[in-house]
Amino acid sequence: MSSQRRQPPRTRSDGVVAVELALGMTFFLVFLFLVIEVARYAQQKNLLLEATRVGARIAATCSNTGATDQLIADKMRALVAQISDSSKVSVATLKADGSPCGQRGVGVAAADRCADTDVAYVSVAASGATVTLISMPFIHTSLPLPEGKSVLPRELMSSSFQKCSTDASGVSSCTPVANPACS
């Protein structure tokens, strides 16, 4: 008696499972990477909108100066890496009827700006940002993000910030200070 095992006869269906697995995994991985890219795109779009909200909040509460416009651009660039320079950020001041009021920007002179009392709304927009696809490393594709824009009513809060101190006799005195969000 031999201890040799008998091999089952070969059929035409050998290897079908491996081929089906390879085809199925290909479609599954393509679908998985597509879901990841759509989620990244949505996350970057929401981040851009949040950056415009932050910029609009600063514009709504701080004085209408070039330093404020630079602060807005810097804060937005800190949140969204695709905003590479100040030219991708636009800040506008609007009157109560929605019409533009003066000019706004880092290099705009004070004479060309609206007075703080004339501004009813502020608008901050960011454009030109893109999302680079990461799941396809050999294909360098970038998708453009839509323009992000936020409009808020103007709130001049500079007079509401005060530094108070109490002297040795118990008398309190308060002096107005600049809005800490504006510096």
N, C-alpha and C. Protein backbone atom coordinates (compact mmCIF):
# COMPACT_ATOMS: atom_id res chain seq x y z
N MET A 1 0.82 -1.18 0.00
CA MET A 1 0.00 0.00 0.00
C MET A 1 0.87 1.25 0.00
N SER A 2 0.49 2.17 -0.83
CA SER A 2 1.22 3.43 -0.86
C SER A 2 0.45 4.52 -0.11
N SER A 3 1.22 5.41 0.45
CA SER A 3 0.60 6.50 1.20
C SER A 3 0.42 7.75 0.34
N GLN A 4 0.46 7.61 -0.91
CA GLN A 4 0.32 8.72 -1.83
C GLN A 4 -1.15 9.12 -1.93
N ARG A 5 -1.40 10.44 -1.80
CA ARG A 5 -2.77 10.96 -1.90
C ARG A 5 -3.14 11.17 -3.34
N ARG A 6 -4.33 10.92 -3.58
CA ARG A 6 -4.83 11.05 -4.94
C ARG A 6 -5.29 12.50 -5.17
N GLN A 7 -4.86 13.15 -6.22
CA GLN A 7 -5.23 14.52 -6.56
C GLN A 7 -6.59 14.52 -7.24
N PRO A 8 -7.43 15.54 -6.88
CA PRO A 8 -8.71 15.63 -7.57
C PRO A 8 -8.49 16.01 -9.04
N PRO A 9 -9.37 15.61 -9.90
CA PRO A 9 -9.20 15.93 -11.32
C PRO A 9 -9.32 17.46 -11.53
N ARG A 10 -8.55 17.98 -12.44
CA ARG A 10 -8.58 19.42 -12.75
C ARG A 10 -9.79 19.73 -13.60
N THR A 11 -10.41 20.86 -13.29
CA THR A 11 -11.58 21.29 -14.05
C THR A 11 -11.30 22.66 -14.67
N ARG A 12 -12.21 23.12 -15.48
CA ARG A 12 -12.04 24.42 -16.14
C ARG A 12 -12.31 25.58 -15.19
N SER A 13 -12.84 25.32 -14.01
CA SER A 13 -13.18 26.40 -13.07
C SER A 13 -12.06 26.71 -12.09
N ASP A 14 -10.91 26.08 -12.23
CA ASP A 14 -9.79 26.39 -11.34
C ASP A 14 -9.35 27.84 -11.56
N GLY A 15 -9.16 28.60 -10.48
CA GLY A 15 -8.70 29.99 -10.55
C GLY A 15 -9.79 31.01 -10.72
N VAL A 16 -11.05 30.60 -10.85
CA VAL A 16 -12.15 31.54 -11.03
C VAL A 16 -12.32 32.42 -9.80
N VAL A 17 -12.14 31.84 -8.63
CA VAL A 17 -12.30 32.60 -7.39
C VAL A 17 -11.26 33.72 -7.32
N ALA A 18 -10.04 33.43 -7.72
CA ALA A 18 -8.98 34.45 -7.70
C ALA A 18 -9.29 35.59 -8.67
N VAL A 19 -9.78 35.25 -9.84
CA VAL A 19 -10.13 36.27 -10.83
C VAL A 19 -11.30 37.11 -10.33
N GLU A 20 -12.31 36.47 -9.77
CA GLU A 20 -13.46 37.21 -9.24
C GLU A 20 -13.05 38.13 -8.10
N LEU A 21 -12.15 37.65 -7.24
CA LEU A 21 -11.66 38.48 -6.14
C LEU A 21 -10.90 39.69 -6.68
N ALA A 22 -10.06 39.49 -7.67
CA ALA A 22 -9.29 40.59 -8.25
C ALA A 22 -10.23 41.63 -8.88
N LEU A 23 -11.22 41.19 -9.62
CA LEU A 23 -12.16 42.13 -10.24
C LEU A 23 -13.01 42.84 -9.17
N GLY A 24 -13.49 42.09 -8.22
CA GLY A 24 -14.31 42.68 -7.16
C GLY A 24 -13.53 43.68 -6.32
N MET A 25 -12.28 43.37 -5.98
CA MET A 25 -11.46 44.29 -5.19
C MET A 25 -11.14 45.56 -5.97
N THR A 26 -10.96 45.43 -7.28
CA THR A 26 -10.69 46.61 -8.10
C THR A 26 -11.86 47.58 -8.01
N PHE A 27 -13.06 47.09 -8.22
CA PHE A 27 -14.22 47.98 -8.14
C PHE A 27 -14.42 48.52 -6.72
N PHE A 28 -14.19 47.70 -5.72
CA PHE A 28 -14.34 48.13 -4.33
C PHE A 28 -13.33 49.23 -4.00
N LEU A 29 -12.08 49.06 -4.40
CA LEU A 29 -11.06 50.07 -4.10
C LEU A 29 -11.32 51.38 -4.84
N VAL A 30 -11.75 51.30 -6.08
CA VAL A 30 -12.09 52.53 -6.82
C VAL A 30 -13.23 53.25 -6.12
N PHE A 31 -14.24 52.54 -5.71
CA PHE A 31 -15.37 53.14 -4.99
C PHE A 31 -14.91 53.72 -3.66
N LEU A 32 -14.06 53.03 -2.92
CA LEU A 32 -13.55 53.51 -1.63
C LEU A 32 -12.77 54.81 -1.81
N PHE A 33 -11.86 54.85 -2.79
CA PHE A 33 -11.09 56.07 -3.01
C PHE A 33 -11.96 57.22 -3.50
N LEU A 34 -12.99 56.92 -4.26
CA LEU A 34 -13.93 57.95 -4.69
C LEU A 34 -14.66 58.55 -3.49
N VAL A 35 -15.09 57.72 -2.58
CA VAL A 35 -15.76 58.21 -1.37
C VAL A 35 -14.80 59.07 -0.54
N ILE A 36 -13.56 58.64 -0.42
CA ILE A 36 -12.56 59.42 0.33
C ILE A 36 -12.35 60.78 -0.31
N GLU A 37 -12.21 60.83 -1.63
CA GLU A 37 -11.98 62.11 -2.32
C GLU A 37 -13.19 63.05 -2.21
N VAL A 38 -14.39 62.51 -2.31
CA VAL A 38 -15.60 63.34 -2.17
C VAL A 38 -15.67 63.90 -0.75
N ALA A 39 -15.32 63.10 0.24
CA ALA A 39 -15.33 63.57 1.62
C ALA A 39 -14.27 64.64 1.85
N ARG A 40 -13.08 64.47 1.27
CA ARG A 40 -12.03 65.50 1.39
C ARG A 40 -12.46 66.79 0.72
N TYR A 41 -13.09 66.69 -0.45
CA TYR A 41 -13.56 67.89 -1.16
C TYR A 41 -14.60 68.63 -0.31
N ALA A 42 -15.55 67.89 0.26
CA ALA A 42 -16.57 68.52 1.10
C ALA A 42 -15.95 69.16 2.34
N GLN A 43 -14.96 68.50 2.92
CA GLN A 43 -14.29 69.04 4.10
C GLN A 43 -13.55 70.33 3.75
N GLN A 44 -12.85 70.37 2.64
CA GLN A 44 -12.14 71.58 2.22
C GLN A 44 -13.10 72.72 1.87
N LYS A 45 -14.23 72.38 1.28
CA LYS A 45 -15.24 73.39 0.96
C LYS A 45 -15.80 73.99 2.25
N ASN A 46 -16.10 73.14 3.23
CA ASN A 46 -16.61 73.64 4.51
C ASN A 46 -15.55 74.46 5.25
N LEU A 47 -14.30 74.06 5.15
CA LEU A 47 -13.22 74.81 5.79
C LEU A 47 -13.08 76.19 5.15
N LEU A 48 -13.23 76.27 3.83
CA LEU A 48 -13.17 77.56 3.15
C LEU A 48 -14.32 78.46 3.59
N LEU A 49 -15.51 77.90 3.71
CA LEU A 49 -16.65 78.70 4.18
C LEU A 49 -16.45 79.16 5.62
N GLU A 50 -15.87 78.30 6.46
CA GLU A 50 -15.60 78.70 7.84
C GLU A 50 -14.56 79.82 7.88
N ALA A 51 -13.57 79.75 7.01
CA ALA A 51 -12.57 80.82 6.94
C ALA A 51 -13.21 82.15 6.55
N THR A 52 -14.17 82.14 5.62
CA THR A 52 -14.84 83.39 5.26
C THR A 52 -15.71 83.89 6.41
N ARG A 53 -16.30 82.98 7.19
CA ARG A 53 -17.08 83.40 8.36
C ARG A 53 -16.18 84.07 9.40
N VAL A 54 -15.00 83.50 9.62
CA VAL A 54 -14.05 84.10 10.55
C VAL A 54 -13.63 85.48 10.06
N GLY A 55 -13.31 85.57 8.77
CA GLY A 55 -12.93 86.87 8.21
C GLY A 55 -14.05 87.89 8.29
N ALA A 56 -15.28 87.47 8.02
CA ALA A 56 -16.42 88.39 8.09
C ALA A 56 -16.66 88.83 9.54
N ARG A 57 -16.45 87.94 10.49
CA ARG A 57 -16.64 88.31 11.90
C ARG A 57 -15.61 89.36 12.32
N ILE A 58 -14.37 89.21 11.87
CA ILE A 58 -13.35 90.22 12.17
C ILE A 58 -13.71 91.53 11.49
N ALA A 59 -14.13 91.48 10.23
CA ALA A 59 -14.50 92.70 9.51
C ALA A 59 -15.71 93.38 10.14
N ALA A 60 -16.63 92.60 10.70
CA ALA A 60 -17.84 93.17 11.29
C ALA A 60 -17.56 93.85 12.62
N THR A 61 -16.54 93.41 13.34
CA THR A 61 -16.32 93.94 14.68
C THR A 61 -15.13 94.88 14.80
N CYS A 62 -14.28 94.95 13.80
CA CYS A 62 -13.07 95.78 13.87
C CYS A 62 -13.19 96.98 12.94
N SER A 63 -12.34 97.96 13.16
CA SER A 63 -12.36 99.18 12.35
C SER A 63 -12.00 98.90 10.91
N ASN A 64 -12.43 99.77 10.03
CA ASN A 64 -12.22 99.65 8.59
C ASN A 64 -10.83 100.20 8.23
N THR A 65 -9.78 99.39 8.48
CA THR A 65 -8.41 99.83 8.21
C THR A 65 -7.67 98.76 7.41
N GLY A 66 -6.53 99.16 6.86
CA GLY A 66 -5.70 98.21 6.13
C GLY A 66 -5.15 97.13 7.05
N ALA A 67 -4.87 97.47 8.30
CA ALA A 67 -4.37 96.47 9.26
C ALA A 67 -5.43 95.40 9.52
N THR A 68 -6.69 95.81 9.56
CA THR A 68 -7.78 94.83 9.75
C THR A 68 -7.89 93.92 8.54
N ASP A 69 -7.77 94.47 7.35
CA ASP A 69 -7.83 93.66 6.14
C ASP A 69 -6.67 92.67 6.08
N GLN A 70 -5.49 93.10 6.52
CA GLN A 70 -4.34 92.18 6.56
C GLN A 70 -4.57 91.08 7.60
N LEU A 71 -5.15 91.44 8.75
CA LEU A 71 -5.47 90.45 9.78
C LEU A 71 -6.47 89.42 9.26
N ILE A 72 -7.46 89.88 8.52
CA ILE A 72 -8.46 88.97 7.93
C ILE A 72 -7.77 87.98 6.99
N ALA A 73 -6.93 88.49 6.09
CA ALA A 73 -6.23 87.62 5.14
C ALA A 73 -5.32 86.63 5.87
N ASP A 74 -4.63 87.09 6.91
CA ASP A 74 -3.73 86.20 7.66
C ASP A 74 -4.50 85.10 8.37
N LYS A 75 -5.62 85.44 9.01
CA LYS A 75 -6.42 84.43 9.71
C LYS A 75 -7.00 83.42 8.72
N MET A 76 -7.44 83.88 7.57
CA MET A 76 -8.01 82.97 6.57
C MET A 76 -6.93 82.06 5.99
N ARG A 77 -5.72 82.59 5.76
CA ARG A 77 -4.62 81.75 5.27
C ARG A 77 -4.21 80.71 6.30
N ALA A 78 -4.34 81.06 7.60
CA ALA A 78 -4.01 80.10 8.65
C ALA A 78 -5.00 78.93 8.65
N LEU A 79 -6.24 79.18 8.29
CA LEU A 79 -7.25 78.12 8.26
C LEU A 79 -7.23 77.31 6.98
N VAL A 80 -6.97 77.95 5.86
CA VAL A 80 -7.03 77.28 4.55
C VAL A 80 -5.68 77.50 3.84
N ALA A 81 -4.94 76.42 3.70
CA ALA A 81 -3.61 76.51 3.10
C ALA A 81 -3.66 76.93 1.62
N GLN A 82 -4.77 76.67 0.95
CA GLN A 82 -4.87 77.00 -0.48
C GLN A 82 -5.00 78.50 -0.72
N ILE A 83 -5.29 79.27 0.31
CA ILE A 83 -5.32 80.73 0.16
C ILE A 83 -3.89 81.20 0.33
N SER A 84 -3.14 81.23 -0.75
CA SER A 84 -1.70 81.47 -0.68
C SER A 84 -1.33 82.95 -0.53
N ASP A 85 -2.18 83.86 -0.97
CA ASP A 85 -1.86 85.27 -0.84
C ASP A 85 -3.13 86.09 -0.63
N SER A 86 -2.93 87.36 -0.30
CA SER A 86 -4.05 88.25 0.01
C SER A 86 -4.93 88.54 -1.19
N SER A 87 -4.42 88.32 -2.41
CA SER A 87 -5.22 88.62 -3.59
C SER A 87 -6.40 87.67 -3.75
N LYS A 88 -6.36 86.51 -3.08
CA LYS A 88 -7.46 85.56 -3.16
C LYS A 88 -8.57 85.90 -2.16
N VAL A 89 -8.34 86.88 -1.30
CA VAL A 89 -9.32 87.30 -0.29
C VAL A 89 -9.83 88.68 -0.67
N SER A 90 -11.15 88.83 -0.73
CA SER A 90 -11.71 90.15 -0.99
C SER A 90 -12.65 90.53 0.14
N VAL A 91 -12.51 91.75 0.60
CA VAL A 91 -13.34 92.30 1.67
C VAL A 91 -14.07 93.50 1.10
N ALA A 92 -15.36 93.57 1.35
CA ALA A 92 -16.16 94.69 0.85
C ALA A 92 -17.03 95.22 1.97
N THR A 93 -17.27 96.52 1.93
CA THR A 93 -18.19 97.15 2.86
C THR A 93 -19.43 97.58 2.08
N LEU A 94 -20.58 97.40 2.68
CA LEU A 94 -21.84 97.68 2.01
C LEU A 94 -22.68 98.64 2.85
N LYS A 95 -23.45 99.49 2.14
CA LYS A 95 -24.41 100.37 2.82
C LYS A 95 -25.66 99.56 3.18
N ALA A 96 -26.59 100.21 3.85
CA ALA A 96 -27.82 99.52 4.28
C ALA A 96 -28.64 99.00 3.11
N ASP A 97 -28.57 99.66 1.94
CA ASP A 97 -29.32 99.20 0.77
C ASP A 97 -28.58 98.11 -0.02
N GLY A 98 -27.38 97.72 0.42
CA GLY A 98 -26.62 96.67 -0.23
C GLY A 98 -25.63 97.17 -1.27
N SER A 99 -25.60 98.47 -1.52
CA SER A 99 -24.66 99.01 -2.50
C SER A 99 -23.26 99.13 -1.87
N PRO A 100 -22.22 99.03 -2.70
CA PRO A 100 -20.85 99.12 -2.17
C PRO A 100 -20.58 100.48 -1.55
N CYS A 101 -19.74 100.46 -0.54
CA CYS A 101 -19.40 101.68 0.20
C CYS A 101 -17.89 101.80 0.26
N GLY A 102 -17.31 102.62 -0.58
CA GLY A 102 -15.86 102.82 -0.57
C GLY A 102 -15.11 101.59 -1.04
N GLN A 103 -13.80 101.65 -0.88
CA GLN A 103 -12.94 100.54 -1.28
C GLN A 103 -12.39 99.86 -0.03
N ARG A 104 -11.94 98.64 -0.21
CA ARG A 104 -11.40 97.89 0.91
C ARG A 104 -10.24 97.06 0.41
N GLY A 105 -9.21 96.92 1.18
CA GLY A 105 -8.05 96.11 0.83
C GLY A 105 -6.85 96.54 1.62
N VAL A 106 -5.76 95.79 1.51
CA VAL A 106 -4.57 96.05 2.32
C VAL A 106 -3.94 97.38 1.94
N GLY A 107 -3.87 97.72 0.65
CA GLY A 107 -3.19 98.94 0.23
C GLY A 107 -4.10 100.14 -0.01
N VAL A 108 -5.36 100.08 0.39
CA VAL A 108 -6.30 101.17 0.12
C VAL A 108 -6.12 102.27 1.18
N ALA A 109 -6.04 103.52 0.71
CA ALA A 109 -5.85 104.65 1.61
C ALA A 109 -7.11 104.90 2.44
N ALA A 110 -6.92 105.52 3.60
CA ALA A 110 -8.04 105.80 4.51
C ALA A 110 -9.08 106.71 3.86
N ALA A 111 -8.65 107.61 2.98
CA ALA A 111 -9.58 108.53 2.33
C ALA A 111 -10.53 107.80 1.37
N ASP A 112 -10.12 106.68 0.85
CA ASP A 112 -10.93 105.93 -0.10
C ASP A 112 -11.86 104.92 0.58
N ARG A 113 -11.79 104.84 1.89
CA ARG A 113 -12.61 103.90 2.65
C ARG A 113 -13.86 104.58 3.17
N CYS A 114 -14.87 103.77 3.48
CA CYS A 114 -16.09 104.29 4.11
C CYS A 114 -15.82 104.59 5.58
N ALA A 115 -16.54 105.54 6.11
CA ALA A 115 -16.49 105.77 7.56
C ALA A 115 -17.18 104.60 8.25
N ASP A 116 -16.73 104.24 9.44
CA ASP A 116 -17.31 103.10 10.16
C ASP A 116 -18.81 103.27 10.36
N THR A 117 -19.27 104.50 10.51
CA THR A 117 -20.69 104.73 10.75
C THR A 117 -21.54 104.54 9.50
N ASP A 118 -20.93 104.59 8.30
CA ASP A 118 -21.67 104.42 7.05
C ASP A 118 -21.82 102.96 6.64
N VAL A 119 -21.06 102.08 7.25
CA VAL A 119 -21.04 100.67 6.86
C VAL A 119 -22.16 99.92 7.58
N ALA A 120 -23.03 99.25 6.81
CA ALA A 120 -24.11 98.46 7.41
C ALA A 120 -23.80 96.96 7.36
N TYR A 121 -23.09 96.53 6.33
CA TYR A 121 -22.75 95.11 6.17
C TYR A 121 -21.30 94.99 5.71
N VAL A 122 -20.70 93.85 6.00
CA VAL A 122 -19.38 93.53 5.46
C VAL A 122 -19.49 92.19 4.73
N SER A 123 -18.73 92.06 3.68
CA SER A 123 -18.72 90.84 2.88
C SER A 123 -17.27 90.39 2.73
N VAL A 124 -17.01 89.13 3.00
CA VAL A 124 -15.67 88.56 2.83
C VAL A 124 -15.81 87.36 1.90
N ALA A 125 -14.96 87.31 0.88
CA ALA A 125 -15.00 86.20 -0.08
C ALA A 125 -13.58 85.68 -0.31
N ALA A 126 -13.50 84.41 -0.62
CA ALA A 126 -12.22 83.78 -0.97
C ALA A 126 -12.43 82.97 -2.25
N SER A 127 -11.52 83.12 -3.18
CA SER A 127 -11.63 82.39 -4.45
C SER A 127 -10.27 81.87 -4.87
N GLY A 128 -10.28 80.97 -5.83
CA GLY A 128 -9.03 80.45 -6.38
C GLY A 128 -8.44 79.28 -5.63
N ALA A 129 -9.12 78.75 -4.63
CA ALA A 129 -8.59 77.60 -3.89
C ALA A 129 -8.91 76.31 -4.64
N THR A 130 -8.03 75.34 -4.52
CA THR A 130 -8.22 74.04 -5.17
C THR A 130 -7.96 72.91 -4.18
N VAL A 131 -8.46 71.73 -4.51
CA VAL A 131 -8.20 70.51 -3.74
C VAL A 131 -7.47 69.55 -4.65
N THR A 132 -6.29 69.10 -4.24
CA THR A 132 -5.51 68.14 -5.02
C THR A 132 -5.94 66.73 -4.62
N LEU A 133 -6.20 65.90 -5.61
CA LEU A 133 -6.60 64.52 -5.35
C LEU A 133 -5.38 63.74 -4.85
N ILE A 134 -5.54 63.01 -3.75
CA ILE A 134 -4.42 62.28 -3.18
C ILE A 134 -4.47 60.78 -3.47
N SER A 135 -5.62 60.26 -3.87
CA SER A 135 -5.72 58.82 -4.07
C SER A 135 -5.18 58.36 -5.42
N MET A 136 -4.83 59.31 -6.27
CA MET A 136 -4.23 58.96 -7.55
C MET A 136 -2.86 59.65 -7.63
N PRO A 137 -1.81 59.03 -7.06
CA PRO A 137 -0.52 59.72 -6.94
C PRO A 137 0.17 60.01 -8.27
N PHE A 138 -0.13 59.27 -9.32
CA PHE A 138 0.54 59.49 -10.60
C PHE A 138 -0.21 60.47 -11.48
N ILE A 139 -1.42 60.80 -11.10
CA ILE A 139 -2.22 61.76 -11.84
C ILE A 139 -2.41 62.97 -10.94
N HIS A 140 -1.73 64.05 -11.24
CA HIS A 140 -1.82 65.25 -10.42
C HIS A 140 -3.01 66.09 -10.88
N THR A 141 -4.13 65.87 -10.23
CA THR A 141 -5.37 66.55 -10.59
C THR A 141 -5.82 67.41 -9.43
N SER A 142 -6.20 68.62 -9.72
CA SER A 142 -6.74 69.53 -8.72
C SER A 142 -8.15 69.93 -9.12
N LEU A 143 -9.04 69.91 -8.17
CA LEU A 143 -10.40 70.35 -8.41
C LEU A 143 -10.58 71.73 -7.80
N PRO A 144 -11.14 72.69 -8.55
CA PRO A 144 -11.34 74.02 -7.97
C PRO A 144 -12.49 74.01 -6.97
N LEU A 145 -12.31 74.76 -5.89
CA LEU A 145 -13.38 74.95 -4.92
C LEU A 145 -14.23 76.14 -5.36
N PRO A 146 -15.52 76.11 -5.10
CA PRO A 146 -16.33 77.29 -5.43
C PRO A 146 -15.95 78.45 -4.51
N GLU A 147 -16.27 79.65 -4.95
CA GLU A 147 -15.97 80.82 -4.13
C GLU A 147 -16.73 80.74 -2.80
N GLY A 148 -16.02 80.97 -1.72
CA GLY A 148 -16.66 81.04 -0.41
C GLY A 148 -16.96 82.49 -0.08
N LYS A 149 -18.14 82.75 0.43
CA LYS A 149 -18.52 84.14 0.71
C LYS A 149 -19.41 84.20 1.94
N SER A 150 -19.14 85.17 2.80
CA SER A 150 -19.96 85.40 3.99
C SER A 150 -20.27 86.88 4.11
N VAL A 151 -21.50 87.19 4.44
CA VAL A 151 -21.94 88.57 4.65
C VAL A 151 -22.52 88.66 6.05
N LEU A 152 -22.05 89.66 6.81
CA LEU A 152 -22.54 89.87 8.18
C LEU A 152 -22.90 91.34 8.38
N PRO A 153 -23.84 91.62 9.29
CA PRO A 153 -24.11 93.01 9.62
C PRO A 153 -22.94 93.60 10.41
N ARG A 154 -22.71 94.86 10.23
CA ARG A 154 -21.61 95.57 10.90
C ARG A 154 -21.92 95.73 12.37
N GLU A 155 -20.95 95.46 13.22
CA GLU A 155 -21.07 95.67 14.66
C GLU A 155 -19.80 96.35 15.12
N LEU A 156 -19.88 97.60 15.45
CA LEU A 156 -18.70 98.31 15.93
C LEU A 156 -18.62 98.12 17.43
N MET A 157 -17.72 97.23 17.84
CA MET A 157 -17.66 96.87 19.25
C MET A 157 -16.45 97.48 19.96
N SER A 158 -15.75 98.40 19.34
CA SER A 158 -14.52 98.90 19.94
C SER A 158 -14.77 99.64 21.25
N SER A 159 -15.94 100.25 21.42
CA SER A 159 -16.21 101.01 22.64
C SER A 159 -16.63 100.12 23.81
N SER A 160 -16.94 98.84 23.55
CA SER A 160 -17.43 98.00 24.62
C SER A 160 -16.31 97.28 25.38
N PHE A 161 -15.06 97.41 24.95
CA PHE A 161 -13.96 96.77 25.65
C PHE A 161 -13.29 97.77 26.57
N GLN A 162 -13.24 97.41 27.85
CA GLN A 162 -12.66 98.29 28.84
C GLN A 162 -11.75 97.51 29.76
N LYS A 163 -10.73 98.20 30.24
CA LYS A 163 -9.84 97.63 31.24
C LYS A 163 -10.14 98.35 32.55
N CYS A 164 -10.54 97.58 33.55
CA CYS A 164 -10.93 98.17 34.82
C CYS A 164 -9.93 97.79 35.90
N SER A 165 -9.71 98.71 36.80
CA SER A 165 -8.82 98.44 37.93
C SER A 165 -9.39 99.12 39.18
N THR A 166 -9.02 98.59 40.30
CA THR A 166 -9.46 99.13 41.59
C THR A 166 -8.24 99.60 42.35
N ASP A 167 -8.30 100.87 42.82
CA ASP A 167 -7.15 101.38 43.57
C ASP A 167 -7.25 100.95 45.05
N ALA A 168 -6.31 101.40 45.85
CA ALA A 168 -6.22 100.98 47.25
C ALA A 168 -7.43 101.41 48.07
N SER A 169 -8.09 102.49 47.67
CA SER A 169 -9.25 102.97 48.42
C SER A 169 -10.54 102.26 48.00
N GLY A 170 -10.45 101.34 47.04
CA GLY A 170 -11.63 100.59 46.62
C GLY A 170 -12.41 101.22 45.49
N VAL A 171 -11.89 102.28 44.88
CA VAL A 171 -12.57 102.97 43.78
C VAL A 171 -12.16 102.31 42.47
N SER A 172 -13.16 101.93 41.68
CA SER A 172 -12.89 101.30 40.38
C SER A 172 -12.88 102.35 39.29
N SER A 173 -11.97 102.17 38.36
CA SER A 173 -11.93 103.06 37.20
C SER A 173 -11.72 102.20 35.95
N CYS A 174 -12.39 102.57 34.89
CA CYS A 174 -12.32 101.82 33.65
C CYS A 174 -11.90 102.74 32.51
N THR A 175 -11.06 102.20 31.65
CA THR A 175 -10.64 102.95 30.47
C THR A 175 -10.88 102.08 29.24
N PRO A 176 -11.35 102.69 28.15
CA PRO A 176 -11.59 101.91 26.93
C PRO A 176 -10.28 101.37 26.36
N VAL A 177 -10.34 100.17 25.83
CA VAL A 177 -9.18 99.56 25.16
C VAL A 177 -9.63 99.02 23.81
N ALA A 178 -8.68 98.74 22.96
CA ALA A 178 -8.99 98.21 21.64
C ALA A 178 -9.56 96.79 21.74
N ASN A 179 -10.40 96.45 20.77
CA ASN A 179 -10.98 95.11 20.70
C ASN A 179 -9.84 94.09 20.57
N PRO A 180 -9.73 93.13 21.50
CA PRO A 180 -8.62 92.17 21.41
C PRO A 180 -8.67 91.28 20.16
N ALA A 181 -9.82 91.12 19.55
CA ALA A 181 -9.93 90.30 18.34
C ALA A 181 -9.35 91.02 17.13
N CYS A 182 -9.11 92.31 17.23
CA CYS A 182 -8.64 93.10 16.10
C CYS A 182 -7.13 93.25 16.05
N SER A 183 -6.43 92.57 16.92
CA SER A 183 -4.97 92.72 16.92
C SER A 183 -4.29 91.38 16.87
